[in-house]
Amino acid sequence: MDHSDLTDVGTELLEEARAGSAQRAARTLCGGSGHVLRQTAIGIVGGASLSEHESPGEATLQVLAGRVRLTWSGEPVDLAAGSHVVIPPERHALLALDDSVVLLTTAMSEA
C-alpha cells in the first residue's frame, strides 16, 4: 500500500516552488502512464498561476492549504483550504491567492 502524508508533501512542494523560477512544484502521488486515475499534488507560491489550459478529462481539485482562484468561461471561483470542486471540461486557469497546495485528481477515459 502506498502511503503519503499530504501535509509533509505540501510542505516539501512549497519549499521547491519557492526555490524554483516557475514558482510551482508538483508530484504525482498515484497513477500516471497506463492508468486511468491520477492524483497530483501541486505547491504554488502566492501570485503564481497555471495559465489557461485544456481540461485533462474528468477532474477535481481539492485545496489542501492556502487559497486559489479557479477560472473558466470568465467566471472566477475562489477556493480555500478544505474546498473541493469539479473542474468543468473546458479551458481553465488557476491562480494562487496565497502560498497554496492543491490535489488534482484526473480520470482519463482511456488508460
PDB file of N, CA and C in Angstrom:
ATOM      1  N   MET A   1       0.839  -1.169   0.000  1.00  0.00           N
ATOM      2  CA  MET A   1       0.000   0.000   0.000  1.00  0.00           C
ATOM      3  C   MET A   1       0.890   1.241   0.000  1.00  0.00           C
ATOM      4  N   ASP A   2       0.644   2.134  -0.936  1.00  0.00           N
ATOM      5  CA  ASP A   2       1.359   3.412  -0.950  1.00  0.00           C
ATOM      6  C   ASP A   2       0.723   4.346   0.062  1.00  0.00           C
ATOM      7  N   HIS A   3       1.556   5.099   0.751  1.00  0.00           N
ATOM      8  CA  HIS A   3       1.077   5.998   1.788  1.00  0.00           C
ATOM      9  C   HIS A   3       1.806   7.334   1.658  1.00  0.00           C
ATOM     10  N   SER A   4       1.062   8.435   1.709  1.00  0.00           N
ATOM     11  CA  SER A   4       1.662   9.763   1.674  1.00  0.00           C
ATOM     12  C   SER A   4       1.045  10.604   2.765  1.00  0.00           C
ATOM     13  N   ASP A   5       1.870  11.366   3.455  1.00  0.00           N
ATOM     14  CA  ASP A   5       1.373  12.356   4.396  1.00  0.00           C
ATOM     15  C   ASP A   5       1.243  13.656   3.604  1.00  0.00           C
ATOM     16  N   LEU A   6       0.008  14.062   3.322  1.00  0.00           N
ATOM     17  CA  LEU A   6      -0.215  15.208   2.451  1.00  0.00           C
ATOM     18  C   LEU A   6       0.316  16.509   3.040  1.00  0.00           C
ATOM     19  N   THR A   7       0.342  16.611   4.354  1.00  0.00           N
ATOM     20  CA  THR A   7       0.908  17.811   4.980  1.00  0.00           C
ATOM     21  C   THR A   7       2.400  17.891   4.689  1.00  0.00           C
ATOM     22  N   ASP A   8       3.101  16.770   4.843  1.00  0.00           N
ATOM     23  CA  ASP A   8       4.533  16.748   4.554  1.00  0.00           C
ATOM     24  C   ASP A   8       4.807  16.989   3.070  1.00  0.00           C
ATOM     25  N   VAL A   9       4.033  16.348   2.207  1.00  0.00           N
ATOM     26  CA  VAL A   9       4.202  16.535   0.766  1.00  0.00           C
ATOM     27  C   VAL A   9       3.988  18.002   0.417  1.00  0.00           C
ATOM     28  N   GLY A  10       2.953  18.611   0.967  1.00  0.00           N
ATOM     29  CA  GLY A  10       2.674  20.026   0.691  1.00  0.00           C
ATOM     30  C   GLY A  10       3.808  20.933   1.135  1.00  0.00           C
ATOM     31  N   THR A  11       4.350  20.676   2.319  1.00  0.00           N
ATOM     32  CA  THR A  11       5.469  21.475   2.825  1.00  0.00           C
ATOM     33  C   THR A  11       6.671  21.360   1.889  1.00  0.00           C
ATOM     34  N   GLU A  12       6.980  20.146   1.459  1.00  0.00           N
ATOM     35  CA  GLU A  12       8.106  19.920   0.544  1.00  0.00           C
ATOM     36  C   GLU A  12       7.878  20.618  -0.795  1.00  0.00           C
ATOM     37  N   LEU A  13       6.655  20.518  -1.323  1.00  0.00           N
ATOM     38  CA  LEU A  13       6.366  21.130  -2.619  1.00  0.00           C
ATOM     39  C   LEU A  13       6.436  22.653  -2.555  1.00  0.00           C
ATOM     40  N   LEU A  14       5.948  23.243  -1.464  1.00  0.00           N
ATOM     41  CA  LEU A  14       6.040  24.699  -1.336  1.00  0.00           C
ATOM     42  C   LEU A  14       7.497  25.146  -1.228  1.00  0.00           C
ATOM     43  N   GLU A  15       8.327  24.382  -0.539  1.00  0.00           N
ATOM     44  CA  GLU A  15       9.755  24.709  -0.467  1.00  0.00           C
ATOM     45  C   GLU A  15      10.371  24.667  -1.862  1.00  0.00           C
ATOM     46  N   GLU A  16      10.049  23.632  -2.640  1.00  0.00           N
ATOM     47  CA  GLU A  16      10.551  23.521  -4.011  1.00  0.00           C
ATOM     48  C   GLU A  16      10.036  24.668  -4.873  1.00  0.00           C
ATOM     49  N   ALA A  17       8.756  25.010  -4.719  1.00  0.00           N
ATOM     50  CA  ALA A  17       8.151  26.078  -5.513  1.00  0.00           C
ATOM     51  C   ALA A  17       8.812  27.425  -5.214  1.00  0.00           C
ATOM     52  N   ARG A  18       9.078  27.695  -3.950  1.00  0.00           N
ATOM     53  CA  ARG A  18       9.711  28.963  -3.562  1.00  0.00           C
ATOM     54  C   ARG A  18      11.131  29.069  -4.117  1.00  0.00           C
ATOM     55  N   ALA A  19      11.800  27.941  -4.262  1.00  0.00           N
ATOM     56  CA  ALA A  19      13.188  27.923  -4.740  1.00  0.00           C
ATOM     57  C   ALA A  19      13.285  27.942  -6.266  1.00  0.00           C
ATOM     58  N   GLY A  20      12.205  27.613  -6.958  1.00  0.00           N
ATOM     59  CA  GLY A  20      12.256  27.498  -8.412  1.00  0.00           C
ATOM     60  C   GLY A  20      11.725  28.721  -9.135  1.00  0.00           C
ATOM     61  N   SER A  21      12.166  28.902 -10.356  1.00  0.00           N
ATOM     62  CA  SER A  21      11.741  30.065 -11.143  1.00  0.00           C
ATOM     63  C   SER A  21      10.268  29.982 -11.564  1.00  0.00           C
ATOM     64  N   ALA A  22       9.729  28.774 -11.700  1.00  0.00           N
ATOM     65  CA  ALA A  22       8.324  28.620 -12.110  1.00  0.00           C
ATOM     66  C   ALA A  22       7.363  28.908 -10.961  1.00  0.00           C
ATOM     67  N   GLN A  23       7.865  28.947  -9.746  1.00  0.00           N
ATOM     68  CA  GLN A  23       7.090  29.208  -8.536  1.00  0.00           C
ATOM     69  C   GLN A  23       5.998  28.171  -8.290  1.00  0.00           C
ATOM     70  N   ARG A  24       6.224  26.968  -8.791  1.00  0.00           N
ATOM     71  CA  ARG A  24       5.315  25.861  -8.524  1.00  0.00           C
ATOM     72  C   ARG A  24       6.108  24.561  -8.624  1.00  0.00           C
ATOM     73  N   ALA A  25       5.586  23.545  -7.958  1.00  0.00           N
ATOM     74  CA  ALA A  25       6.208  22.223  -7.994  1.00  0.00           C
ATOM     75  C   ALA A  25       5.094  21.204  -7.871  1.00  0.00           C
ATOM     76  N   ALA A  26       5.279  20.046  -8.478  1.00  0.00           N
ATOM     77  CA  ALA A  26       4.231  19.024  -8.481  1.00  0.00           C
ATOM     78  C   ALA A  26       4.832  17.645  -8.269  1.00  0.00           C
ATOM     79  N   ARG A  27       3.991  16.768  -7.723  1.00  0.00           N
ATOM     80  CA  ARG A  27       4.403  15.383  -7.515  1.00  0.00           C
ATOM     81  C   ARG A  27       3.196  14.484  -7.760  1.00  0.00           C
ATOM     82  N   THR A  28       3.355  13.504  -8.640  1.00  0.00           N
ATOM     83  CA  THR A  28       2.299  12.529  -8.864  1.00  0.00           C
ATOM     84  C   THR A  28       2.317  11.550  -7.703  1.00  0.00           C
ATOM     85  N   LEU A  29       1.188  11.440  -7.024  1.00  0.00           N
ATOM     86  CA  LEU A  29       1.082  10.558  -5.865  1.00  0.00           C
ATOM     87  C   LEU A  29       0.502   9.203  -6.233  1.00  0.00           C
ATOM     88  N   CYS A  30      -0.271   9.179  -7.312  1.00  0.00           N
ATOM     89  CA  CYS A  30      -0.974   7.961  -7.702  1.00  0.00           C
ATOM     90  C   CYS A  30      -1.183   7.998  -9.202  1.00  0.00           C
ATOM     91  N   GLY A  31      -1.006   6.871  -9.860  1.00  0.00           N
ATOM     92  CA  GLY A  31      -1.295   6.782 -11.281  1.00  0.00           C
ATOM     93  C   GLY A  31      -0.149   7.230 -12.148  1.00  0.00           C
ATOM     94  N   GLY A  32      -0.500   7.631 -13.349  1.00  0.00           N
ATOM     95  CA  GLY A  32       0.500   8.022 -14.326  1.00  0.00           C
ATOM     96  C   GLY A  32       0.242   7.283 -15.619  1.00  0.00           C
ATOM     97  N   SER A  33       1.263   7.135 -16.415  1.00  0.00           N
ATOM     98  CA  SER A  33       1.147   6.485 -17.703  1.00  0.00           C
ATOM     99  C   SER A  33       0.555   5.076 -17.547  1.00  0.00           C
ATOM    100  N   GLY A  34      -0.455   4.781 -18.352  1.00  0.00           N
ATOM    101  CA  GLY A  34      -1.077   3.468 -18.317  1.00  0.00           C
ATOM    102  C   GLY A  34      -2.169   3.319 -17.277  1.00  0.00           C
ATOM    103  N   HIS A  35      -2.470   4.359 -16.532  1.00  0.00           N
ATOM    104  CA  HIS A  35      -3.516   4.320 -15.519  1.00  0.00           C
ATOM    105  C   HIS A  35      -4.658   5.271 -15.879  1.00  0.00           C
ATOM    106  N   VAL A  36      -5.830   4.964 -15.439  1.00  0.00           N
ATOM    107  CA  VAL A  36      -6.979   5.843 -15.645  1.00  0.00           C
ATOM    108  C   VAL A  36      -6.961   6.964 -14.613  1.00  0.00           C
ATOM    109  N   LEU A  37      -6.717   6.628 -13.352  1.00  0.00           N
ATOM    110  CA  LEU A  37      -6.727   7.595 -12.259  1.00  0.00           C
ATOM    111  C   LEU A  37      -5.336   8.170 -12.040  1.00  0.00           C
ATOM    112  N   ARG A  38      -5.274   9.488 -11.839  1.00  0.00           N
ATOM    113  CA  ARG A  38      -4.012  10.137 -11.499  1.00  0.00           C
ATOM    114  C   ARG A  38      -4.297  11.203 -10.457  1.00  0.00           C
ATOM    115  N   GLN A  39      -3.466  11.222  -9.401  1.00  0.00           N
ATOM    116  CA  GLN A  39      -3.563  12.262  -8.391  1.00  0.00           C
ATOM    117  C   GLN A  39      -2.212  12.959  -8.303  1.00  0.00           C
ATOM    118  N   THR A  40      -2.254  14.277  -8.417  1.00  0.00           N
ATOM    119  CA  THR A  40      -1.049  15.082  -8.406  1.00  0.00           C
ATOM    120  C   THR A  40      -1.185  16.184  -7.369  1.00  0.00           C
ATOM    121  N   ALA A  41      -0.228  16.256  -6.471  1.00  0.00           N
ATOM    122  CA  ALA A  41      -0.174  17.359  -5.513  1.00  0.00           C
ATOM    123  C   ALA A  41       0.650  18.473  -6.147  1.00  0.00           C
ATOM    124  N   ILE A  42       0.168  19.702  -5.994  1.00  0.00           N
ATOM    125  CA  ILE A  42       0.835  20.864  -6.586  1.00  0.00           C
ATOM    126  C   ILE A  42       1.010  21.919  -5.503  1.00  0.00           C
ATOM    127  N   GLY A  43       2.235  22.374  -5.328  1.00  0.00           N
ATOM    128  CA  GLY A  43       2.524  23.508  -4.451  1.00  0.00           C
ATOM    129  C   GLY A  43       2.749  24.713  -5.334  1.00  0.00           C
ATOM    130  N   ILE A  44       2.124  25.835  -5.005  1.00  0.00           N
ATOM    131  CA  ILE A  44       2.230  27.022  -5.850  1.00  0.00           C
ATOM    132  C   ILE A  44       2.315  28.269  -4.965  1.00  0.00           C
ATOM    133  N   VAL A  45       3.282  29.105  -5.264  1.00  0.00           N
ATOM    134  CA  VAL A  45       3.539  30.313  -4.491  1.00  0.00           C
ATOM    135  C   VAL A  45       2.450  31.348  -4.757  1.00  0.00           C
ATOM    136  N   GLY A  46       2.057  32.078  -3.726  1.00  0.00           N
ATOM    137  CA  GLY A  46       1.046  33.117  -3.881  1.00  0.00           C
ATOM    138  C   GLY A  46       1.406  34.087  -4.999  1.00  0.00           C
ATOM    139  N   GLY A  47       0.455  34.376  -5.871  1.00  0.00           N
ATOM    140  CA  GLY A  47       0.667  35.253  -7.017  1.00  0.00           C
ATOM    141  C   GLY A  47       1.039  34.513  -8.287  1.00  0.00           C
ATOM    142  N   ALA A  48       1.489  33.280  -8.170  1.00  0.00           N
ATOM    143  CA  ALA A  48       1.843  32.475  -9.352  1.00  0.00           C
ATOM    144  C   ALA A  48       0.585  31.815  -9.901  1.00  0.00           C
ATOM    145  N   SER A  49       0.673  31.373 -11.147  1.00  0.00           N
ATOM    146  CA  SER A  49      -0.516  30.789 -11.764  1.00  0.00           C
ATOM    147  C   SER A  49      -0.163  29.642 -12.703  1.00  0.00           C
ATOM    148  N   LEU A  50      -1.186  28.882 -13.006  1.00  0.00           N
ATOM    149  CA  LEU A  50      -1.143  27.918 -14.101  1.00  0.00           C
ATOM    150  C   LEU A  50      -2.014  28.570 -15.165  1.00  0.00           C
ATOM    151  N   SER A  51      -1.403  29.017 -16.251  1.00  0.00           N
ATOM    152  CA  SER A  51      -2.147  29.752 -17.266  1.00  0.00           C
ATOM    153  C   SER A  51      -3.239  28.879 -17.884  1.00  0.00           C
ATOM    154  N   GLU A  52      -4.128  29.529 -18.584  1.00  0.00           N
ATOM    155  CA  GLU A  52      -5.273  28.826 -19.159  1.00  0.00           C
ATOM    156  C   GLU A  52      -4.808  27.621 -19.973  1.00  0.00           C
ATOM    157  N   HIS A  53      -5.472  26.487 -19.735  1.00  0.00           N
ATOM    158  CA  HIS A  53      -5.111  25.244 -20.411  1.00  0.00           C
ATOM    159  C   HIS A  53      -6.362  24.371 -20.576  1.00  0.00           C
ATOM    160  N   GLU A  54      -6.244  23.368 -21.423  1.00  0.00           N
ATOM    161  CA  GLU A  54      -7.360  22.460 -21.678  1.00  0.00           C
ATOM    162  C   GLU A  54      -7.575  21.544 -20.482  1.00  0.00           C
ATOM    163  N   SER A  55      -8.785  21.102 -20.326  1.00  0.00           N
ATOM    164  CA  SER A  55      -9.112  20.146 -19.284  1.00  0.00           C
ATOM    165  C   SER A  55      -8.529  18.792 -19.653  1.00  0.00           C
ATOM    166  N   PRO A  56      -7.947  18.081 -18.680  1.00  0.00           N
ATOM    167  CA  PRO A  56      -7.340  16.784 -18.976  1.00  0.00           C
ATOM    168  C   PRO A  56      -8.355  15.642 -19.042  1.00  0.00           C
ATOM    169  N   GLY A  57      -9.623  15.926 -18.957  1.00  0.00           N
ATOM    170  CA  GLY A  57     -10.667  14.912 -18.859  1.00  0.00           C
ATOM    171  C   GLY A  57     -11.424  15.162 -17.571  1.00  0.00           C
ATOM    172  N   GLU A  58     -12.041  14.144 -17.020  1.00  0.00           N
ATOM    173  CA  GLU A  58     -12.731  14.328 -15.745  1.00  0.00           C
ATOM    174  C   GLU A  58     -11.705  14.689 -14.683  1.00  0.00           C
ATOM    175  N   ALA A  59     -12.001  15.734 -13.907  1.00  0.00           N
ATOM    176  CA  ALA A  59     -11.019  16.191 -12.921  1.00  0.00           C
ATOM    177  C   ALA A  59     -11.695  16.901 -11.755  1.00  0.00           C
ATOM    178  N   THR A  60     -11.050  16.795 -10.601  1.00  0.00           N
ATOM    179  CA  THR A  60     -11.466  17.552  -9.421  1.00  0.00           C
ATOM    180  C   THR A  60     -10.237  18.225  -8.837  1.00  0.00           C
ATOM    181  N   LEU A  61     -10.481  19.278  -8.071  1.00  0.00           N
ATOM    182  CA  LEU A  61      -9.411  19.995  -7.393  1.00  0.00           C
ATOM    183  C   LEU A  61      -9.806  20.146  -5.933  1.00  0.00           C
ATOM    184  N   GLN A  62      -8.910  19.748  -5.048  1.00  0.00           N
ATOM    185  CA  GLN A  62      -9.117  19.904  -3.610  1.00  0.00           C
ATOM    186  C   GLN A  62      -8.013  20.808  -3.091  1.00  0.00           C
ATOM    187  N   VAL A  63      -8.384  21.848  -2.359  1.00  0.00           N
ATOM    188  CA  VAL A  63      -7.404  22.763  -1.787  1.00  0.00           C
ATOM    189  C   VAL A  63      -7.000  22.226  -0.414  1.00  0.00           C
ATOM    190  N   LEU A  64      -5.724  21.889  -0.283  1.00  0.00           N
ATOM    191  CA  LEU A  64      -5.209  21.343   0.968  1.00  0.00           C
ATOM    192  C   LEU A  64      -4.715  22.442   1.897  1.00  0.00           C
ATOM    193  N   ALA A  65      -4.185  23.519   1.327  1.00  0.00           N
ATOM    194  CA  ALA A  65      -3.678  24.648   2.114  1.00  0.00           C
ATOM    195  C   ALA A  65      -3.731  25.902   1.255  1.00  0.00           C
ATOM    196  N   GLY A  66      -3.961  27.046   1.886  1.00  0.00           N
ATOM    197  CA  GLY A  66      -3.959  28.318   1.169  1.00  0.00           C
ATOM    198  C   GLY A  66      -5.286  28.636   0.514  1.00  0.00           C
ATOM    199  N   ARG A  67      -5.206  29.537  -0.475  1.00  0.00           N
ATOM    200  CA  ARG A  67      -6.390  29.961  -1.235  1.00  0.00           C
ATOM    201  C   ARG A  67      -6.011  30.085  -2.700  1.00  0.00           C
ATOM    202  N   VAL A  68      -6.898  29.638  -3.581  1.00  0.00           N
ATOM    203  CA  VAL A  68      -6.675  29.713  -5.025  1.00  0.00           C
ATOM    204  C   VAL A  68      -7.917  30.251  -5.711  1.00  0.00           C
ATOM    205  N   ARG A  69      -7.729  30.698  -6.944  1.00  0.00           N
ATOM    206  CA  ARG A  69      -8.844  31.132  -7.792  1.00  0.00           C
ATOM    207  C   ARG A  69      -8.820  30.285  -9.057  1.00  0.00           C
ATOM    208  N   LEU A  70      -9.882  29.543  -9.280  1.00  0.00           N
ATOM    209  CA  LEU A  70     -10.048  28.743 -10.490  1.00  0.00           C
ATOM    210  C   LEU A  70     -10.990  29.515 -11.406  1.00  0.00           C
ATOM    211  N   THR A  71     -10.586  29.713 -12.656  1.00  0.00           N
ATOM    212  CA  THR A  71     -11.394  30.499 -13.600  1.00  0.00           C
ATOM    213  C   THR A  71     -11.681  29.686 -14.843  1.00  0.00           C
ATOM    214  N   TRP A  72     -12.939  29.669 -15.269  1.00  0.00           N
ATOM    215  CA  TRP A  72     -13.337  29.089 -16.544  1.00  0.00           C
ATOM    216  C   TRP A  72     -14.502  29.903 -17.068  1.00  0.00           C
ATOM    217  N   SER A  73     -14.629  29.986 -18.358  1.00  0.00           N
ATOM    218  CA  SER A  73     -15.685  30.782 -19.007  1.00  0.00           C
ATOM    219  C   SER A  73     -15.752  32.188 -18.430  1.00  0.00           C
ATOM    220  N   GLY A  74     -14.596  32.733 -18.026  1.00  0.00           N
ATOM    221  CA  GLY A  74     -14.553  34.079 -17.476  1.00  0.00           C
ATOM    222  C   GLY A  74     -15.112  34.201 -16.076  1.00  0.00           C
ATOM    223  N   GLU A  75     -15.492  33.079 -15.473  1.00  0.00           N
ATOM    224  CA  GLU A  75     -16.084  33.090 -14.129  1.00  0.00           C
ATOM    225  C   GLU A  75     -15.075  32.603 -13.098  1.00  0.00           C
ATOM    226  N   PRO A  76     -14.604  33.495 -12.210  1.00  0.00           N
ATOM    227  CA  PRO A  76     -13.669  33.062 -11.166  1.00  0.00           C
ATOM    228  C   PRO A  76     -14.401  32.458  -9.969  1.00  0.00           C
ATOM    229  N   VAL A  77     -13.783  31.430  -9.398  1.00  0.00           N
ATOM    230  CA  VAL A  77     -14.289  30.818  -8.174  1.00  0.00           C
ATOM    231  C   VAL A  77     -13.128  30.771  -7.193  1.00  0.00           C
ATOM    232  N   ASP A  78     -13.269  31.460  -6.054  1.00  0.00           N
ATOM    233  CA  ASP A  78     -12.235  31.444  -5.026  1.00  0.00           C
ATOM    234  C   ASP A  78     -12.469  30.262  -4.099  1.00  0.00           C
ATOM    235  N   LEU A  79     -11.397  29.536  -3.829  1.00  0.00           N
ATOM    236  CA  LEU A  79     -11.470  28.327  -3.020  1.00  0.00           C
ATOM    237  C   LEU A  79     -10.427  28.399  -1.907  1.00  0.00           C
ATOM    238  N   ALA A  80     -10.801  28.001  -0.706  1.00  0.00           N
ATOM    239  CA  ALA A  80      -9.897  27.997   0.442  1.00  0.00           C
ATOM    240  C   ALA A  80      -9.634  26.558   0.878  1.00  0.00           C
ATOM    241  N   ALA A  81      -8.669  26.405   1.779  1.00  0.00           N
ATOM    242  CA  ALA A  81      -8.328  25.081   2.304  1.00  0.00           C
ATOM    243  C   ALA A  81      -9.598  24.362   2.744  1.00  0.00           C
ATOM    244  N   GLY A  82      -9.715  23.114   2.322  1.00  0.00           N
ATOM    245  CA  GLY A  82     -10.892  22.307   2.621  1.00  0.00           C
ATOM    246  C   GLY A  82     -11.910  22.294   1.495  1.00  0.00           C
ATOM    247  N   SER A  83     -11.746  23.193   0.511  1.00  0.00           N
ATOM    248  CA  SER A  83     -12.686  23.255  -0.616  1.00  0.00           C
ATOM    249  C   SER A  83     -12.382  22.159  -1.636  1.00  0.00           C
ATOM    250  N   HIS A  84     -13.427  21.754  -2.326  1.00  0.00           N
ATOM    251  CA  HIS A  84     -13.344  20.726  -3.371  1.00  0.00           C
ATOM    252  C   HIS A  84     -14.241  21.176  -4.509  1.00  0.00           C
ATOM    253  N   VAL A  85     -13.764  21.056  -5.734  1.00  0.00           N
ATOM    254  CA  VAL A  85     -14.564  21.478  -6.883  1.00  0.00           C
ATOM    255  C   VAL A  85     -14.339  20.514  -8.045  1.00  0.00           C
ATOM    256  N   VAL A  86     -15.397  20.277  -8.802  1.00  0.00           N
ATOM    257  CA  VAL A  86     -15.287  19.532 -10.054  1.00  0.00           C
ATOM    258  C   VAL A  86     -14.857  20.533 -11.123  1.00  0.00           C
ATOM    259  N   ILE A  87     -13.769  20.237 -11.799  1.00  0.00           N
ATOM    260  CA  ILE A  87     -13.282  21.125 -12.852  1.00  0.00           C
ATOM    261  C   ILE A  87     -14.093  20.852 -14.114  1.00  0.00           C
ATOM    262  N   PRO A  88     -14.708  21.891 -14.682  1.00  0.00           N
ATOM    263  CA  PRO A  88     -15.521  21.678 -15.884  1.00  0.00           C
ATOM    264  C   PRO A  88     -14.647  21.254 -17.069  1.00  0.00           C
ATOM    265  N   PRO A  89     -15.214  20.518 -18.000  1.00  0.00           N
ATOM    266  CA  PRO A  89     -14.437  20.023 -19.145  1.00  0.00           C
ATOM    267  C   PRO A  89     -14.227  21.111 -20.207  1.00  0.00           C
ATOM    268  N   GLU A  90     -13.578  22.190 -19.806  1.00  0.00           N
ATOM    269  CA  GLU A  90     -13.283  23.297 -20.716  1.00  0.00           C
ATOM    270  C   GLU A  90     -12.005  23.981 -20.260  1.00  0.00           C
ATOM    271  N   ARG A  91     -11.521  24.939 -21.060  1.00  0.00           N
ATOM    272  CA  ARG A  91     -10.297  25.659 -20.716  1.00  0.00           C
ATOM    273  C   ARG A  91     -10.471  26.355 -19.371  1.00  0.00           C
ATOM    274  N   HIS A  92      -9.400  26.329 -18.568  1.00  0.00           N
ATOM    275  CA  HIS A  92      -9.459  26.935 -17.245  1.00  0.00           C
ATOM    276  C   HIS A  92      -8.060  27.360 -16.826  1.00  0.00           C
ATOM    277  N   ALA A  93      -7.989  28.172 -15.774  1.00  0.00           N
ATOM    278  CA  ALA A  93      -6.715  28.647 -15.242  1.00  0.00           C
ATOM    279  C   ALA A  93      -6.789  28.625 -13.722  1.00  0.00           C
ATOM    280  N   LEU A  94      -5.613  28.608 -13.090  1.00  0.00           N
ATOM    281  CA  LEU A  94      -5.540  28.580 -11.637  1.00  0.00           C
ATOM    282  C   LEU A  94      -4.550  29.644 -11.172  1.00  0.00           C
ATOM    283  N   LEU A  95      -4.973  30.468 -10.217  1.00  0.00           N
ATOM    284  CA  LEU A  95      -4.132  31.499  -9.616  1.00  0.00           C
ATOM    285  C   LEU A  95      -4.052  31.232  -8.124  1.00  0.00           C
ATOM    286  N   ALA A  96      -2.843  31.239  -7.569  1.00  0.00           N
ATOM    287  CA  ALA A  96      -2.674  31.093  -6.122  1.00  0.00           C
ATOM    288  C   ALA A  96      -2.819  32.474  -5.489  1.00  0.00           C
ATOM    289  N   LEU A  97      -3.819  32.628  -4.637  1.00  0.00           N
ATOM    290  CA  LEU A  97      -4.019  33.887  -3.924  1.00  0.00           C
ATOM    291  C   LEU A  97      -3.062  33.988  -2.743  1.00  0.00           C
ATOM    292  N   ASP A  98      -2.679  32.849  -2.186  1.00  0.00           N
ATOM    293  CA  ASP A  98      -1.691  32.713  -1.112  1.00  0.00           C
ATOM    294  C   ASP A  98      -0.803  31.537  -1.494  1.00  0.00           C
ATOM    295  N   ASP A  99       0.283  31.326  -0.787  1.00  0.00           N
ATOM    296  CA  ASP A  99       1.034  30.083  -0.965  1.00  0.00           C
ATOM    297  C   ASP A  99       0.038  28.946  -0.733  1.00  0.00           C
ATOM    298  N   SER A 100      -0.064  28.025  -1.675  1.00  0.00           N
ATOM    299  CA  SER A 100      -1.135  27.031  -1.643  1.00  0.00           C
ATOM    300  C   SER A 100      -0.653  25.655  -2.060  1.00  0.00           C
ATOM    301  N   VAL A 101      -1.391  24.658  -1.599  1.00  0.00           N
ATOM    302  CA  VAL A 101      -1.172  23.279  -2.015  1.00  0.00           C
ATOM    303  C   VAL A 101      -2.525  22.727  -2.424  1.00  0.00           C
ATOM    304  N   VAL A 102      -2.576  22.148  -3.623  1.00  0.00           N
ATOM    305  CA  VAL A 102      -3.824  21.565  -4.121  1.00  0.00           C
ATOM    306  C   VAL A 102      -3.582  20.122  -4.529  1.00  0.00           C
ATOM    307  N   LEU A 103      -4.655  19.350  -4.544  1.00  0.00           N
ATOM    308  CA  LEU A 103      -4.614  17.969  -5.009  1.00  0.00           C
ATOM    309  C   LEU A 103      -5.493  17.876  -6.232  1.00  0.00           C
ATOM    310  N   LEU A 104      -4.883  17.636  -7.383  1.00  0.00           N
ATOM    311  CA  LEU A 104      -5.589  17.489  -8.651  1.00  0.00           C
ATOM    312  C   LEU A 104      -5.808  16.005  -8.900  1.00  0.00           C
ATOM    313  N   THR A 105      -7.057  15.620  -9.077  1.00  0.00           N
ATOM    314  CA  THR A 105      -7.395  14.228  -9.391  1.00  0.00           C
ATOM    315  C   THR A 105      -8.004  14.203 -10.785  1.00  0.00           C
ATOM    316  N   THR A 106      -7.454  13.363 -11.659  1.00  0.00           N
ATOM    317  CA  THR A 106      -7.977  13.235 -13.019  1.00  0.00           C
ATOM    318  C   THR A 106      -8.276  11.781 -13.316  1.00  0.00           C
ATOM    319  N   ALA A 107      -9.262  11.570 -14.162  1.00  0.00           N
ATOM    320  CA  ALA A 107      -9.611  10.238 -14.645  1.00  0.00           C
ATOM    321  C   ALA A 107      -9.695  10.327 -16.162  1.00  0.00           C
ATOM    322  N   MET A 108      -8.789   9.665 -16.824  1.00  0.00           N
ATOM    323  CA  MET A 108      -8.781   9.662 -18.281  1.00  0.00           C
ATOM    324  C   MET A 108      -9.694   8.548 -18.771  1.00  0.00           C
ATOM    325  N   SER A 109     -10.329   8.773 -19.908  1.00  0.00           N
ATOM    326  CA  SER A 109     -11.258   7.777 -20.412  1.00  0.00           C
ATOM    327  C   SER A 109     -10.536   6.534 -20.945  1.00  0.00           C
ATOM    328  N   GLU A 110      -9.273   6.694 -21.337  1.00  0.00           N
ATOM    329  CA  GLU A 110      -8.501   5.546 -21.832  1.00  0.00           C
ATOM    330  C   GLU A 110      -7.194   5.463 -21.070  1.00  0.00           C
ATOM    331  N   ALA A 111      -6.843   4.288 -20.638  1.00  0.00           N
ATOM    332  CA  ALA A 111      -5.558   4.094 -19.938  1.00  0.00           C
ATOM    333  C   ALA A 111      -4.431   4.004 -20.912  1.00  0.00           C
TER     334      ALA A 111
END
